[in-house]
Amino acid sequence: MPHLMIRGISVEQVKSISTPLVKELAELCICETDNFTLEIVKSTFVFDENEVQGYPFIEVKWFERSQDIQDQFAHLVTKHVLSLGIPEVEVAFAAFLESSYYLNGKSFAEI
C-alpha cells in the first residue's frame, strides 16, 4: 500500500524510473508491485511573486515499518530520482495506523 506522492518531477521522468523503482521497493517491503501507487501531484510553485520550478519532494504514505526498512526505502527512492540527473530530492514519510485505514468498509486491523 505504499503511496508515493511526487512533486517537482515530470510525469515522463517518473515513468522512466517507475518499473525498476517499484520492483526494488516491493522486494524490500516483501509485497507485490501492484501494492504501490505513484502519484504525480501537479502543483504550481510560487516564490517572490513568480512561478518557479518545483523542488523534488516525495511523500510516502504507508503502514509504518522499521527504521531500517524506512532508511532503505528512502535510499532506493533517492537513488532512482538522482539517476534522472536531478541534483537533490527530499523524501518524507507519513504512517497510517492499520486501524485507521479502510478497504471496503473494513479496517486493515480486521483484515
Protein backbone atom coordinates (compact mmCIF):
# COMPACT_ATOMS: atom_id res chain seq x y z
CA MET A 1 0.00 0.00 0.00
CA PRO A 2 2.84 2.45 -0.06
CA HIS A 3 1.61 5.56 -1.86
CA LEU A 4 4.29 7.88 -3.21
CA MET A 5 3.07 11.42 -3.83
CA ILE A 6 5.63 13.04 -6.12
CA ARG A 7 6.11 16.77 -6.66
CA GLY A 8 8.62 18.67 -8.76
CA ILE A 9 9.40 15.73 -11.08
CA SER A 10 7.78 15.35 -14.51
CA VAL A 11 5.44 12.54 -15.47
CA GLU A 12 7.89 11.36 -18.13
CA GLN A 13 10.75 11.25 -15.62
CA VAL A 14 8.68 9.24 -13.13
CA LYS A 15 7.55 6.86 -15.87
CA SER A 16 11.16 6.19 -16.83
CA ILE A 17 12.10 5.00 -13.31
CA SER A 18 8.76 3.54 -12.24
CA THR A 19 9.32 -0.12 -13.13
CA PRO A 20 12.76 -0.65 -11.55
CA LEU A 21 11.90 1.58 -8.57
CA VAL A 22 8.70 -0.26 -7.70
CA LYS A 23 10.35 -3.65 -8.25
CA GLU A 24 13.12 -2.82 -5.76
CA LEU A 25 10.69 -1.29 -3.25
CA ALA A 26 8.43 -4.36 -3.45
CA GLU A 27 11.39 -6.65 -2.77
CA LEU A 28 12.35 -4.51 0.23
CA CYS A 29 8.80 -4.41 1.62
CA ILE A 30 8.14 -8.08 0.79
CA CYS A 31 4.95 -7.34 -1.13
CA GLU A 32 3.69 -7.33 -4.70
CA THR A 33 4.41 -4.48 -7.09
CA ASP A 34 0.70 -3.78 -7.52
CA ASN A 35 0.57 -2.65 -3.88
CA PHE A 36 2.35 0.59 -4.85
CA THR A 37 0.84 3.82 -6.13
CA LEU A 38 2.95 6.52 -7.75
CA GLU A 39 1.02 9.78 -7.96
CA ILE A 40 2.50 12.81 -9.67
CA VAL A 41 0.99 15.84 -7.98
CA LYS A 42 0.64 18.76 -10.37
CA SER A 43 1.43 21.83 -8.31
CA THR A 44 2.22 25.43 -9.02
CA PHE A 45 5.16 26.71 -7.02
CA VAL A 46 5.49 30.41 -6.28
CA PHE A 47 8.40 32.39 -4.88
CA ASP A 48 8.88 36.15 -4.78
CA GLU A 49 5.74 36.81 -6.87
CA ASN A 50 6.87 34.42 -9.64
CA GLU A 51 6.07 30.88 -10.69
CA VAL A 52 9.17 28.78 -10.15
CA GLN A 53 10.30 25.23 -10.85
CA GLY A 54 9.09 22.87 -8.14
CA TYR A 55 11.54 21.29 -5.77
CA PRO A 56 11.68 17.47 -5.98
CA PHE A 57 9.74 16.20 -2.96
CA ILE A 58 8.31 12.73 -2.40
CA GLU A 59 5.90 12.00 0.41
CA VAL A 60 5.50 8.32 1.25
CA LYS A 61 2.22 7.33 2.89
CA TRP A 62 2.31 3.80 4.26
CA PHE A 63 1.86 1.49 7.22
CA GLU A 64 4.85 2.10 9.47
CA ARG A 65 7.80 -0.22 9.11
CA SER A 66 11.11 -0.47 10.96
CA GLN A 67 13.63 2.37 10.83
CA ASP A 68 15.97 0.15 8.82
CA ILE A 69 13.31 -0.53 6.16
CA GLN A 70 12.37 3.15 6.08
CA ASP A 71 16.02 4.15 5.63
CA GLN A 72 16.48 1.64 2.80
CA PHE A 73 13.21 2.76 1.17
CA ALA A 74 14.35 6.40 1.23
CA HIS A 75 17.73 5.37 -0.18
CA LEU A 76 16.13 3.49 -3.10
CA VAL A 77 13.79 6.36 -3.94
CA THR A 78 16.68 8.84 -3.77
CA LYS A 79 18.93 6.65 -5.93
CA HIS A 80 16.35 6.43 -8.70
CA VAL A 81 15.47 10.13 -8.64
CA LEU A 82 19.14 11.16 -8.69
CA SER A 83 19.66 8.84 -11.69
CA LEU A 84 17.46 11.28 -13.65
CA GLY A 85 20.12 13.96 -13.28
CA ILE A 86 18.16 15.72 -10.56
CA PRO A 87 20.74 17.06 -8.06
CA GLU A 88 18.74 16.53 -4.86
CA VAL A 89 15.42 15.24 -3.58
CA GLU A 90 13.62 15.17 -0.25
CA VAL A 91 11.66 12.14 0.96
CA ALA A 92 9.25 12.28 3.90
CA PHE A 93 7.16 9.54 5.47
CA ALA A 94 3.63 9.66 6.89
CA ALA A 95 2.47 6.49 8.61
CA PHE A 96 -1.10 5.21 8.75
CA LEU A 97 -2.39 3.09 11.60
CA GLU A 98 -3.91 -0.13 10.29
CA SER A 99 -6.98 0.53 12.47
CA SER A 100 -7.46 3.91 10.74
CA TYR A 101 -7.20 2.66 7.14
CA TYR A 102 -10.21 1.02 5.49
CA LEU A 103 -10.82 -1.14 2.45
CA ASN A 104 -14.47 -1.60 1.52
CA GLY A 105 -15.55 -0.54 4.99
CA LYS A 106 -13.21 -2.87 6.91
CA SER A 107 -10.17 -1.60 8.71
CA PHE A 108 -6.87 -3.21 7.90
CA ALA A 109 -6.64 -4.18 11.56
CA GLU A 110 -9.52 -6.61 10.86
CA ILE A 111 -8.24 -7.94 7.54
